[in-house]
């Protein structure tokens, strides 16, 4: 009777469970709690340190399989240049004229370059490294969309226009990592976008 009630026995891919549960918990912890007074270091601990520990200790794999390598650097440099060139005017317009962006990103720019670099390197490793290449083993190119979903959720509380666009932006960053087999190039584009919007929005007041 109990067996009939429970139905067919469930079988789960161990790695998919780890990737999904841990990444979800990390995003929620980052949203609800402050584990350090420095947000950039918090991102490093949650989004880089913990996934890296799982890769090495639990998965027993090499981090380079998760995008920590130079990859196709020729394609990466070209794509990075094109991405920055295309997004530059968009970022300028949003930072200059969108009040939502100005209100959220109007902040001090001291240490902005290196703080953003630390935080966004960790973000890119979590989404375009750990999740993208981890999911890709089972789901192939569908991993491009799968990693974009938690990436969008992690933007909740940010300006609505930005958050609504992140499902597509997350896919685009994922494609860059997929094409180059490296998290370096989506990181460079993401870092430029995040740093430029703060500089422009802060200077618009």
N, C-alpha and C. Protein backbone atom coordinates (compact mmCIF):
# COMPACT_ATOMS: atom_id res chain seq x y z
N UNK A 1 0.83 -1.20 0.00
CA UNK A 1 0.00 0.00 0.00
C UNK A 1 0.87 1.26 0.00
N UNK A 2 1.87 1.27 0.90
CA UNK A 2 2.75 2.44 0.99
C UNK A 2 3.55 2.60 -0.30
N UNK A 3 4.03 1.47 -0.82
CA UNK A 3 4.80 1.51 -2.06
C UNK A 3 3.96 2.04 -3.20
N UNK A 4 2.70 1.63 -3.26
CA UNK A 4 1.80 2.09 -4.31
C UNK A 4 1.53 3.58 -4.15
N UNK A 5 1.39 4.02 -2.92
CA UNK A 5 1.13 5.43 -2.65
C UNK A 5 2.31 6.30 -3.06
N UNK A 6 3.51 5.82 -2.76
CA UNK A 6 4.70 6.59 -3.09
C UNK A 6 4.98 6.61 -4.59
N UNK A 7 4.52 5.59 -5.28
CA UNK A 7 4.72 5.53 -6.72
C UNK A 7 6.12 5.09 -7.09
N UNK A 8 6.51 5.41 -8.31
CA UNK A 8 7.81 5.00 -8.83
C UNK A 8 8.94 5.64 -8.03
N UNK A 9 9.98 4.88 -7.79
CA UNK A 9 11.13 5.37 -7.04
C UNK A 9 11.80 6.50 -7.80
N UNK A 10 12.13 7.55 -7.08
CA UNK A 10 12.75 8.72 -7.69
C UNK A 10 14.26 8.53 -7.79
N UNK A 11 14.80 8.96 -8.91
CA UNK A 11 16.24 8.90 -9.13
C UNK A 11 16.73 10.31 -9.48
N UNK A 12 17.75 10.75 -8.78
CA UNK A 12 18.27 12.09 -9.00
C UNK A 12 19.74 12.05 -9.38
N UNK A 13 20.12 12.99 -10.25
CA UNK A 13 21.53 13.19 -10.57
C UNK A 13 22.17 13.94 -9.41
N UNK A 14 23.14 13.33 -8.77
CA UNK A 14 23.76 13.90 -7.56
C UNK A 14 24.31 15.29 -7.82
N UNK A 15 24.98 15.48 -8.93
CA UNK A 15 25.58 16.79 -9.20
C UNK A 15 24.50 17.86 -9.42
N UNK A 16 23.43 17.52 -10.12
CA UNK A 16 22.36 18.48 -10.36
C UNK A 16 21.72 18.92 -9.05
N UNK A 17 21.56 17.98 -8.14
CA UNK A 17 21.00 18.31 -6.82
C UNK A 17 21.91 19.29 -6.09
N UNK A 18 23.20 19.01 -6.06
CA UNK A 18 24.15 19.90 -5.41
C UNK A 18 24.12 21.29 -6.05
N UNK A 19 24.20 21.34 -7.36
CA UNK A 19 24.22 22.62 -8.07
C UNK A 19 22.98 23.45 -7.77
N UNK A 20 21.82 22.80 -7.84
CA UNK A 20 20.55 23.51 -7.69
C UNK A 20 20.30 23.96 -6.26
N UNK A 21 20.47 23.04 -5.32
CA UNK A 21 20.16 23.36 -3.92
C UNK A 21 21.16 24.38 -3.38
N UNK A 22 22.43 24.15 -3.59
CA UNK A 22 23.45 25.04 -3.02
C UNK A 22 23.36 26.44 -3.63
N UNK A 23 23.24 26.54 -4.95
CA UNK A 23 23.16 27.86 -5.58
C UNK A 23 21.93 28.63 -5.11
N UNK A 24 20.81 27.93 -4.96
CA UNK A 24 19.60 28.59 -4.47
C UNK A 24 19.79 29.10 -3.05
N UNK A 25 20.37 28.28 -2.19
CA UNK A 25 20.62 28.69 -0.81
C UNK A 25 21.59 29.87 -0.74
N UNK A 26 22.61 29.85 -1.57
CA UNK A 26 23.58 30.94 -1.57
C UNK A 26 22.93 32.27 -1.95
N UNK A 27 22.08 32.23 -2.97
CA UNK A 27 21.38 33.44 -3.40
C UNK A 27 20.45 33.96 -2.29
N UNK A 28 19.74 33.05 -1.65
CA UNK A 28 18.83 33.44 -0.57
C UNK A 28 19.58 33.98 0.63
N UNK A 29 20.69 33.35 0.97
CA UNK A 29 21.51 33.84 2.09
C UNK A 29 22.03 35.25 1.80
N UNK A 30 22.49 35.46 0.56
CA UNK A 30 22.99 36.78 0.18
C UNK A 30 21.89 37.83 0.24
N UNK A 31 20.65 37.42 -0.04
CA UNK A 31 19.52 38.34 -0.05
C UNK A 31 19.07 38.71 1.37
N UNK A 32 19.03 37.73 2.25
CA UNK A 32 18.44 37.95 3.58
C UNK A 32 19.45 38.32 4.67
N UNK A 33 20.71 37.93 4.50
CA UNK A 33 21.67 38.10 5.58
C UNK A 33 22.92 38.85 5.12
N UNK A 34 23.60 39.43 6.08
CA UNK A 34 24.91 40.03 5.85
C UNK A 34 25.91 39.25 6.68
N UNK A 35 26.77 38.49 6.05
CA UNK A 35 27.74 37.69 6.79
C UNK A 35 29.05 38.45 6.97
N UNK A 36 29.18 39.57 6.29
CA UNK A 36 30.34 40.45 6.44
C UNK A 36 29.89 41.86 6.08
N UNK A 37 30.48 42.88 6.68
CA UNK A 37 30.09 44.26 6.36
C UNK A 37 30.56 44.72 4.98
N UNK A 38 31.29 43.88 4.29
CA UNK A 38 31.83 44.25 2.99
C UNK A 38 31.17 43.40 1.89
N UNK A 39 30.22 43.96 1.13
CA UNK A 39 29.46 43.18 0.14
C UNK A 39 30.33 42.48 -0.90
N UNK A 40 31.43 43.11 -1.31
CA UNK A 40 32.27 42.49 -2.33
C UNK A 40 32.94 41.22 -1.79
N UNK A 41 33.37 41.26 -0.53
CA UNK A 41 33.97 40.05 0.06
C UNK A 41 32.91 38.99 0.33
N UNK A 42 31.70 39.43 0.64
CA UNK A 42 30.61 38.49 0.85
C UNK A 42 30.34 37.69 -0.43
N UNK A 43 30.36 38.40 -1.57
CA UNK A 43 30.18 37.71 -2.86
C UNK A 43 31.28 36.70 -3.11
N UNK A 44 32.50 37.07 -2.76
CA UNK A 44 33.63 36.16 -2.96
C UNK A 44 33.45 34.89 -2.13
N UNK A 45 33.03 35.06 -0.88
CA UNK A 45 32.85 33.90 0.00
C UNK A 45 31.71 33.00 -0.48
N UNK A 46 30.55 33.60 -0.75
CA UNK A 46 29.37 32.82 -1.10
C UNK A 46 29.40 32.29 -2.53
N UNK A 47 29.75 33.14 -3.46
CA UNK A 47 29.61 32.79 -4.87
C UNK A 47 30.87 32.18 -5.50
N UNK A 48 31.99 32.33 -4.81
CA UNK A 48 33.22 31.72 -5.32
C UNK A 48 33.77 30.65 -4.38
N UNK A 49 33.93 31.03 -3.13
CA UNK A 49 34.57 30.13 -2.17
C UNK A 49 33.83 28.83 -1.95
N UNK A 50 32.53 28.91 -1.69
CA UNK A 50 31.76 27.70 -1.42
C UNK A 50 31.63 26.81 -2.66
N UNK A 51 31.27 27.34 -3.84
CA UNK A 51 31.25 26.47 -5.02
C UNK A 51 32.60 25.84 -5.33
N UNK A 52 33.68 26.62 -5.14
CA UNK A 52 35.01 26.07 -5.39
C UNK A 52 35.30 24.91 -4.45
N UNK A 53 34.92 25.05 -3.19
CA UNK A 53 35.12 23.98 -2.22
C UNK A 53 34.36 22.72 -2.62
N UNK A 54 33.15 22.90 -3.12
CA UNK A 54 32.34 21.75 -3.54
C UNK A 54 32.95 21.08 -4.77
N UNK A 55 33.44 21.88 -5.70
CA UNK A 55 34.08 21.32 -6.89
C UNK A 55 35.25 20.41 -6.50
N UNK A 56 36.08 20.90 -5.61
CA UNK A 56 37.30 20.18 -5.24
C UNK A 56 37.02 19.01 -4.30
N UNK A 57 36.21 19.24 -3.27
CA UNK A 57 36.01 18.25 -2.22
C UNK A 57 34.90 17.26 -2.54
N UNK A 58 33.78 17.75 -3.06
CA UNK A 58 32.62 16.89 -3.31
C UNK A 58 32.65 16.29 -4.71
N UNK A 59 32.82 17.14 -5.72
CA UNK A 59 32.83 16.64 -7.09
C UNK A 59 34.16 16.00 -7.46
N UNK A 60 35.23 16.41 -6.76
CA UNK A 60 36.59 15.94 -7.04
C UNK A 60 36.97 16.19 -8.51
N UNK A 61 36.76 17.43 -8.92
CA UNK A 61 37.06 17.84 -10.28
C UNK A 61 37.99 19.04 -10.26
N UNK A 62 38.50 19.38 -11.44
CA UNK A 62 39.41 20.52 -11.54
C UNK A 62 38.62 21.78 -11.87
N UNK A 63 38.91 22.91 -11.23
CA UNK A 63 38.18 24.15 -11.50
C UNK A 63 38.20 24.61 -12.95
N UNK A 64 39.21 24.20 -13.72
CA UNK A 64 39.25 24.64 -15.11
C UNK A 64 38.07 24.08 -15.91
N UNK A 65 37.49 22.98 -15.44
CA UNK A 65 36.31 22.43 -16.12
C UNK A 65 35.09 23.31 -15.92
N UNK A 66 35.21 24.28 -15.04
CA UNK A 66 34.11 25.20 -14.76
C UNK A 66 34.45 26.63 -15.20
N UNK A 67 35.26 26.73 -16.24
CA UNK A 67 35.52 28.02 -16.86
C UNK A 67 36.68 28.81 -16.30
N UNK A 68 37.41 28.27 -15.33
CA UNK A 68 38.56 28.99 -14.79
C UNK A 68 39.80 28.70 -15.64
N UNK A 69 39.78 29.24 -16.82
CA UNK A 69 40.90 29.09 -17.75
C UNK A 69 40.81 30.20 -18.79
N UNK A 70 41.87 30.36 -19.56
CA UNK A 70 41.90 31.42 -20.57
C UNK A 70 40.94 31.14 -21.71
N UNK A 71 40.78 29.87 -22.05
CA UNK A 71 39.85 29.49 -23.11
C UNK A 71 40.28 30.00 -24.47
N UNK A 72 39.31 30.22 -25.35
CA UNK A 72 39.57 30.74 -26.69
C UNK A 72 39.76 32.25 -26.58
N UNK A 73 40.98 32.68 -26.27
CA UNK A 73 41.23 34.08 -25.95
C UNK A 73 41.05 35.01 -27.15
N UNK A 74 41.31 34.50 -28.37
CA UNK A 74 41.13 35.36 -29.55
C UNK A 74 39.66 35.72 -29.73
N UNK A 75 38.80 34.71 -29.69
CA UNK A 75 37.36 34.98 -29.78
C UNK A 75 36.90 35.78 -28.57
N UNK A 76 37.45 35.47 -27.40
CA UNK A 76 37.06 36.16 -26.19
C UNK A 76 37.33 37.65 -26.24
N UNK A 77 38.49 38.04 -26.75
CA UNK A 77 38.83 39.46 -26.83
C UNK A 77 37.93 40.18 -27.84
N UNK A 78 37.66 39.54 -28.95
CA UNK A 78 36.78 40.16 -29.96
C UNK A 78 35.37 40.34 -29.40
N UNK A 79 34.84 39.29 -28.78
CA UNK A 79 33.48 39.36 -28.22
C UNK A 79 33.42 40.40 -27.10
N UNK A 80 34.46 40.45 -26.27
CA UNK A 80 34.49 41.44 -25.18
C UNK A 80 34.48 42.86 -25.74
N UNK A 81 35.27 43.10 -26.76
CA UNK A 81 35.32 44.43 -27.37
C UNK A 81 33.96 44.80 -27.98
N UNK A 82 33.36 43.85 -28.67
CA UNK A 82 32.05 44.12 -29.29
C UNK A 82 30.99 44.36 -28.21
N UNK A 83 31.03 43.54 -27.16
CA UNK A 83 30.05 43.68 -26.08
C UNK A 83 30.15 45.03 -25.40
N UNK A 84 31.36 45.46 -25.10
CA UNK A 84 31.56 46.76 -24.46
C UNK A 84 31.15 47.89 -25.39
N UNK A 85 31.48 47.75 -26.67
CA UNK A 85 31.14 48.79 -27.64
C UNK A 85 29.63 48.94 -27.80
N UNK A 86 28.92 47.82 -27.80
CA UNK A 86 27.46 47.86 -27.95
C UNK A 86 26.77 48.38 -26.68
N UNK A 87 27.27 47.98 -25.52
CA UNK A 87 26.62 48.35 -24.28
C UNK A 87 27.00 49.74 -23.78
N UNK A 88 28.11 50.27 -24.24
CA UNK A 88 28.56 51.58 -23.79
C UNK A 88 27.49 52.66 -23.93
N UNK A 89 26.95 52.87 -25.14
CA UNK A 89 25.92 53.91 -25.31
C UNK A 89 24.65 53.63 -24.51
N UNK A 90 24.28 52.35 -24.37
CA UNK A 90 23.09 51.99 -23.59
C UNK A 90 23.29 52.36 -22.12
N UNK A 91 24.45 52.02 -21.59
CA UNK A 91 24.75 52.33 -20.19
C UNK A 91 24.76 53.83 -19.96
N UNK A 92 25.33 54.57 -20.88
CA UNK A 92 25.38 56.03 -20.75
C UNK A 92 23.97 56.61 -20.70
N UNK A 93 23.10 56.14 -21.60
CA UNK A 93 21.72 56.65 -21.65
C UNK A 93 20.95 56.30 -20.38
N UNK A 94 21.10 55.07 -19.90
CA UNK A 94 20.38 54.65 -18.69
C UNK A 94 20.88 55.42 -17.46
N UNK A 95 22.18 55.53 -17.34
CA UNK A 95 22.74 56.23 -16.19
C UNK A 95 22.46 57.71 -16.20
N UNK A 96 22.27 58.25 -17.39
CA UNK A 96 22.06 59.69 -17.53
C UNK A 96 20.60 60.09 -17.38
N UNK A 97 19.70 59.23 -17.88
CA UNK A 97 18.30 59.66 -17.98
C UNK A 97 17.30 58.80 -17.22
N UNK A 98 17.67 57.59 -16.81
CA UNK A 98 16.72 56.74 -16.10
C UNK A 98 16.79 57.01 -14.60
N UNK A 99 15.70 57.53 -14.04
CA UNK A 99 15.71 57.91 -12.62
C UNK A 99 15.85 56.70 -11.70
N UNK A 100 15.32 55.55 -12.12
CA UNK A 100 15.45 54.34 -11.32
C UNK A 100 16.90 53.93 -11.18
N UNK A 101 17.62 53.98 -12.29
CA UNK A 101 19.05 53.65 -12.26
C UNK A 101 19.83 54.68 -11.45
N UNK A 102 19.49 55.94 -11.63
CA UNK A 102 20.20 57.00 -10.90
C UNK A 102 20.00 56.85 -9.39
N UNK A 103 18.76 56.57 -8.99
CA UNK A 103 18.47 56.45 -7.57
C UNK A 103 19.18 55.27 -6.93
N UNK A 104 19.27 54.16 -7.66
CA UNK A 104 19.87 52.95 -7.09
C UNK A 104 21.39 53.00 -7.14
N UNK A 105 21.94 53.53 -8.24
CA UNK A 105 23.38 53.45 -8.44
C UNK A 105 24.12 54.75 -8.09
N UNK A 106 23.43 55.71 -7.50
CA UNK A 106 24.11 56.92 -7.07
C UNK A 106 24.86 56.62 -5.77
N UNK A 107 26.14 56.41 -5.87
CA UNK A 107 26.93 56.02 -4.70
C UNK A 107 28.37 56.47 -4.88
N UNK A 108 29.13 56.36 -3.82
CA UNK A 108 30.54 56.74 -3.89
C UNK A 108 31.29 55.81 -4.83
N UNK A 109 32.25 56.38 -5.56
CA UNK A 109 32.99 55.59 -6.53
C UNK A 109 34.39 55.22 -6.03
N UNK A 110 34.69 55.57 -4.77
CA UNK A 110 36.00 55.22 -4.22
C UNK A 110 36.16 53.69 -4.15
N UNK A 111 37.22 53.20 -4.74
CA UNK A 111 37.47 51.75 -4.73
C UNK A 111 36.53 50.97 -5.61
N UNK A 112 35.77 51.67 -6.44
CA UNK A 112 34.73 51.01 -7.24
C UNK A 112 35.31 49.94 -8.16
N UNK A 113 36.40 50.27 -8.82
CA UNK A 113 36.95 49.37 -9.83
C UNK A 113 37.31 48.01 -9.23
N UNK A 114 38.06 48.01 -8.15
CA UNK A 114 38.50 46.72 -7.61
C UNK A 114 37.40 46.02 -6.82
N UNK A 115 36.52 46.78 -6.17
CA UNK A 115 35.41 46.16 -5.44
C UNK A 115 34.46 45.47 -6.41
N UNK A 116 34.13 46.15 -7.49
CA UNK A 116 33.28 45.53 -8.51
C UNK A 116 33.96 44.33 -9.14
N UNK A 117 35.26 44.42 -9.33
CA UNK A 117 36.00 43.31 -9.93
C UNK A 117 35.90 42.06 -9.05
N UNK A 118 36.08 42.22 -7.76
CA UNK A 118 35.98 41.09 -6.84
C UNK A 118 34.58 40.49 -6.85
N UNK A 119 33.58 41.35 -6.68
CA UNK A 119 32.20 40.87 -6.59
C UNK A 119 31.75 40.20 -7.87
N UNK A 120 32.04 40.82 -9.00
CA UNK A 120 31.53 40.29 -10.27
C UNK A 120 32.33 39.08 -10.74
N UNK A 121 33.59 38.96 -10.36
CA UNK A 121 34.33 37.74 -10.66
C UNK A 121 33.66 36.56 -9.96
N UNK A 122 33.21 36.78 -8.73
CA UNK A 122 32.52 35.73 -7.98
C UNK A 122 31.16 35.42 -8.61
N UNK A 123 30.42 36.46 -8.99
CA UNK A 123 29.12 36.26 -9.64
C UNK A 123 29.28 35.45 -10.92
N UNK A 124 30.24 35.81 -11.74
CA UNK A 124 30.42 35.11 -13.01
C UNK A 124 30.84 33.66 -12.78
N UNK A 125 31.63 33.43 -11.75
CA UNK A 125 32.02 32.04 -11.49
C UNK A 125 30.81 31.21 -11.08
N UNK A 126 29.94 31.76 -10.24
CA UNK A 126 28.76 31.01 -9.80
C UNK A 126 27.84 30.68 -10.97
N UNK A 127 27.48 31.69 -11.75
CA UNK A 127 26.48 31.50 -12.79
C UNK A 127 27.06 30.98 -14.10
N UNK A 128 28.11 31.62 -14.60
CA UNK A 128 28.66 31.22 -15.90
C UNK A 128 29.75 30.18 -15.79
N UNK A 129 30.17 29.85 -14.58
CA UNK A 129 31.15 28.80 -14.38
C UNK A 129 30.52 27.58 -13.75
N UNK A 130 30.24 27.67 -12.47
CA UNK A 130 29.73 26.52 -11.71
C UNK A 130 28.41 25.99 -12.27
N UNK A 131 27.43 26.87 -12.42
CA UNK A 131 26.11 26.41 -12.88
C UNK A 131 26.10 26.07 -14.36
N UNK A 132 26.64 26.95 -15.20
CA UNK A 132 26.59 26.71 -16.64
C UNK A 132 27.28 25.41 -17.03
N UNK A 133 28.53 25.26 -16.64
CA UNK A 133 29.27 24.07 -17.05
C UNK A 133 28.85 22.84 -16.26
N UNK A 134 28.37 23.06 -15.02
CA UNK A 134 27.84 21.93 -14.26
C UNK A 134 26.56 21.38 -14.86
N UNK A 135 25.63 22.26 -15.18
CA UNK A 135 24.38 21.83 -15.82
C UNK A 135 24.60 21.29 -17.23
N UNK A 136 25.60 21.83 -17.92
CA UNK A 136 25.83 21.45 -19.31
C UNK A 136 26.16 19.98 -19.48
N UNK A 137 26.74 19.36 -18.47
CA UNK A 137 27.07 17.94 -18.56
C UNK A 137 25.82 17.10 -18.79
N UNK A 138 24.69 17.53 -18.24
CA UNK A 138 23.46 16.77 -18.37
C UNK A 138 22.50 17.38 -19.40
N UNK A 139 22.46 18.72 -19.45
CA UNK A 139 21.45 19.39 -20.26
C UNK A 139 21.98 20.07 -21.51
N UNK A 140 23.28 20.02 -21.75
CA UNK A 140 23.84 20.61 -22.96
C UNK A 140 23.58 22.11 -23.03
N UNK A 141 23.21 22.60 -24.22
CA UNK A 141 23.02 24.04 -24.41
C UNK A 141 21.82 24.60 -23.63
N UNK A 142 20.92 23.74 -23.18
CA UNK A 142 19.81 24.22 -22.34
C UNK A 142 20.34 24.85 -21.05
N UNK A 143 21.56 24.52 -20.69
CA UNK A 143 22.17 25.10 -19.49
C UNK A 143 22.30 26.62 -19.61
N UNK A 144 22.35 27.12 -20.85
CA UNK A 144 22.42 28.57 -21.05
C UNK A 144 21.21 29.27 -20.46
N UNK A 145 20.03 28.68 -20.64
CA UNK A 145 18.82 29.26 -20.07
C UNK A 145 18.67 28.92 -18.59
N UNK A 146 19.07 27.72 -18.22
CA UNK A 146 18.92 27.30 -16.83
C UNK A 146 19.71 28.19 -15.87
N UNK A 147 20.94 28.55 -16.24
CA UNK A 147 21.73 29.40 -15.35
C UNK A 147 21.24 30.84 -15.35
N UNK A 148 20.52 31.24 -16.39
CA UNK A 148 20.02 32.62 -16.45
C UNK A 148 18.87 32.87 -15.47
N UNK A 149 18.17 31.80 -15.08
CA UNK A 149 17.02 31.96 -14.16
C UNK A 149 17.48 32.39 -12.76
N UNK A 150 18.37 31.65 -12.10
CA UNK A 150 18.84 32.12 -10.79
C UNK A 150 19.59 33.45 -10.87
N UNK A 151 20.24 33.70 -12.00
CA UNK A 151 20.92 34.99 -12.20
C UNK A 151 19.91 36.13 -12.14
N UNK A 152 18.75 35.93 -12.77
CA UNK A 152 17.70 36.95 -12.73
C UNK A 152 17.16 37.13 -11.32
N UNK A 153 16.93 36.02 -10.64
CA UNK A 153 16.40 36.08 -9.27
C UNK A 153 17.36 36.82 -8.35
N UNK A 154 18.65 36.66 -8.57
CA UNK A 154 19.65 37.33 -7.74
C UNK A 154 19.63 38.84 -7.92
N UNK A 155 18.92 39.33 -8.94
CA UNK A 155 18.83 40.77 -9.17
C UNK A 155 17.61 41.41 -8.53
N UNK A 156 16.79 40.62 -7.86
CA UNK A 156 15.63 41.19 -7.19
C UNK A 156 16.08 42.26 -6.20
N UNK A 157 15.35 43.33 -6.14
CA UNK A 157 15.62 44.53 -5.34
C UNK A 157 16.40 45.57 -6.15
N UNK A 158 16.92 45.20 -7.30
CA UNK A 158 17.58 46.17 -8.17
C UNK A 158 16.52 46.84 -9.06
N UNK A 159 16.87 47.89 -9.80
CA UNK A 159 15.89 48.57 -10.65
C UNK A 159 15.14 47.61 -11.57
N UNK A 160 13.83 47.84 -11.74
CA UNK A 160 13.00 46.90 -12.48
C UNK A 160 13.47 46.69 -13.91
N UNK A 161 13.88 47.75 -14.58
CA UNK A 161 14.33 47.61 -15.97
C UNK A 161 15.53 46.68 -16.06
N UNK A 162 16.45 46.83 -15.14
CA UNK A 162 17.63 45.97 -15.12
C UNK A 162 17.25 44.52 -14.84
N UNK A 163 16.42 44.32 -13.82
CA UNK A 163 16.06 42.96 -13.42
C UNK A 163 15.30 42.24 -14.52
N UNK A 164 14.38 42.94 -15.17
CA UNK A 164 13.60 42.32 -16.25
C UNK A 164 14.48 41.91 -17.43
N UNK A 165 15.57 42.61 -17.62
CA UNK A 165 16.44 42.31 -18.76
C UNK A 165 17.43 41.18 -18.48
N UNK A 166 17.56 40.79 -17.20
CA UNK A 166 18.65 39.87 -16.85
C UNK A 166 18.44 38.45 -17.35
N UNK A 167 17.22 38.04 -17.64
CA UNK A 167 17.04 36.70 -18.20
C UNK A 167 17.73 36.61 -19.57
N UNK A 168 17.68 37.71 -20.32
CA UNK A 168 18.35 37.75 -21.63
C UNK A 168 19.83 38.08 -21.49
N UNK A 169 20.13 38.99 -20.56
CA UNK A 169 21.53 39.30 -20.30
C UNK A 169 22.28 38.11 -19.75
N UNK A 170 21.61 37.36 -18.86
CA UNK A 170 22.23 36.16 -18.31
C UNK A 170 22.51 35.11 -19.38
N UNK A 171 21.55 34.99 -20.32
CA UNK A 171 21.77 34.07 -21.44
C UNK A 171 22.96 34.53 -22.27
N UNK A 172 23.04 35.85 -22.54
CA UNK A 172 24.12 36.38 -23.36
C UNK A 172 25.48 36.16 -22.69
N UNK A 173 25.57 36.45 -21.40
CA UNK A 173 26.81 36.19 -20.67
C UNK A 173 27.15 34.69 -20.72
N UNK A 174 26.12 33.87 -20.58
CA UNK A 174 26.33 32.43 -20.64
C UNK A 174 26.86 31.99 -21.99
N UNK A 175 26.32 32.59 -23.06
CA UNK A 175 26.78 32.23 -24.40
C UNK A 175 28.26 32.58 -24.57
N UNK A 176 28.65 33.75 -24.05
CA UNK A 176 30.06 34.15 -24.15
C UNK A 176 30.95 33.13 -23.44
N UNK A 177 30.55 32.70 -22.25
CA UNK A 177 31.33 31.69 -21.53
C UNK A 177 31.34 30.37 -22.29
N UNK A 178 30.19 29.99 -22.84
CA UNK A 178 30.07 28.74 -23.60
C UNK A 178 30.96 28.77 -24.83
N UNK A 179 30.94 29.90 -25.55
CA UNK A 179 31.71 30.04 -26.78
C UNK A 179 33.21 30.02 -26.52
N UNK A 180 33.64 30.67 -25.44
CA UNK A 180 35.07 30.78 -25.16
C UNK A 180 35.57 29.72 -24.19
N UNK A 181 34.63 29.00 -23.54
CA UNK A 181 34.97 28.01 -22.50
C UNK A 181 35.69 28.66 -21.32
N UNK A 182 35.32 29.91 -21.03
CA UNK A 182 35.97 30.65 -19.95
C UNK A 182 34.99 31.66 -19.35
N UNK A 183 35.12 31.89 -18.04
CA UNK A 183 34.31 32.91 -17.38
C UNK A 183 34.97 34.29 -17.46
N UNK A 184 36.18 34.36 -17.98
CA UNK A 184 36.92 35.62 -18.01
C UNK A 184 36.21 36.68 -18.84
N UNK A 185 35.73 36.31 -20.01
CA UNK A 185 35.21 37.30 -20.95
C UNK A 185 33.82 37.83 -20.57
N UNK A 186 32.91 36.98 -20.12
CA UNK A 186 31.67 37.54 -19.58
C UNK A 186 31.92 38.39 -18.33
N UNK A 187 32.93 38.02 -17.55
CA UNK A 187 33.29 38.84 -16.39
C UNK A 187 33.71 40.24 -16.82
N UNK A 188 34.57 40.35 -17.84
CA UNK A 188 35.05 41.65 -18.30
C UNK A 188 33.89 42.52 -18.79
N UNK A 189 32.97 41.92 -19.53
CA UNK A 189 31.82 42.68 -20.03
C UNK A 189 30.92 43.10 -18.87
N UNK A 190 30.64 42.17 -17.97
CA UNK A 190 29.78 42.44 -16.82
C UNK A 190 30.41 43.52 -15.93
N UNK A 191 31.70 43.43 -15.71
CA UNK A 191 32.41 44.41 -14.89
C UNK A 191 32.32 45.80 -15.52
N UNK A 192 32.50 45.87 -16.81
CA UNK A 192 32.39 47.17 -17.50
C UNK A 192 31.00 47.76 -17.33
N UNK A 193 29.97 46.94 -17.55
CA UNK A 193 28.59 47.42 -17.46
C UNK A 193 28.29 47.93 -16.04
N UNK A 194 28.62 47.12 -15.03
CA UNK A 194 28.29 47.46 -13.65
C UNK A 194 29.07 48.69 -13.17
N UNK A 195 30.32 48.79 -13.58
CA UNK A 195 31.14 49.92 -13.14
C UNK A 195 30.74 51.20 -13.87
N UNK A 196 30.49 51.10 -15.16
CA UNK A 196 30.13 52.27 -15.95
C UNK A 196 28.80 52.87 -15.51
N UNK A 197 27.82 52.03 -15.20
CA UNK A 197 26.50 52.54 -14.81
C UNK A 197 26.59 53.32 -13.51
N UNK A 198 27.44 52.89 -12.57
CA UNK A 198 27.60 53.61 -11.32
C UNK A 198 28.29 54.95 -11.55
N UNK A 199 29.33 54.95 -12.36
CA UNK A 199 30.05 56.18 -12.65
C UNK A 199 29.16 57.20 -13.34
N UNK A 200 28.41 56.75 -14.34
CA UNK A 200 27.54 57.68 -15.09
C UNK A 200 26.40 58.16 -14.20
N UNK A 201 25.76 57.22 -13.46
CA UNK A 201 24.64 57.62 -12.60
C UNK A 201 25.08 58.56 -11.50
N UNK A 202 26.26 58.33 -10.93
CA UNK A 202 26.76 59.19 -9.86
C UNK A 202 27.11 60.58 -10.39
N UNK A 203 27.59 60.63 -11.63
CA UNK A 203 27.97 61.90 -12.21
C UNK A 203 26.82 62.70 -12.77
N UNK A 204 25.64 62.08 -12.82
CA UNK A 204 24.48 62.76 -13.40
C UNK A 204 23.79 63.68 -12.40
N UNK A 205 24.17 63.60 -11.11
CA UNK A 205 23.53 64.41 -10.08
C UNK A 205 24.29 65.72 -9.90
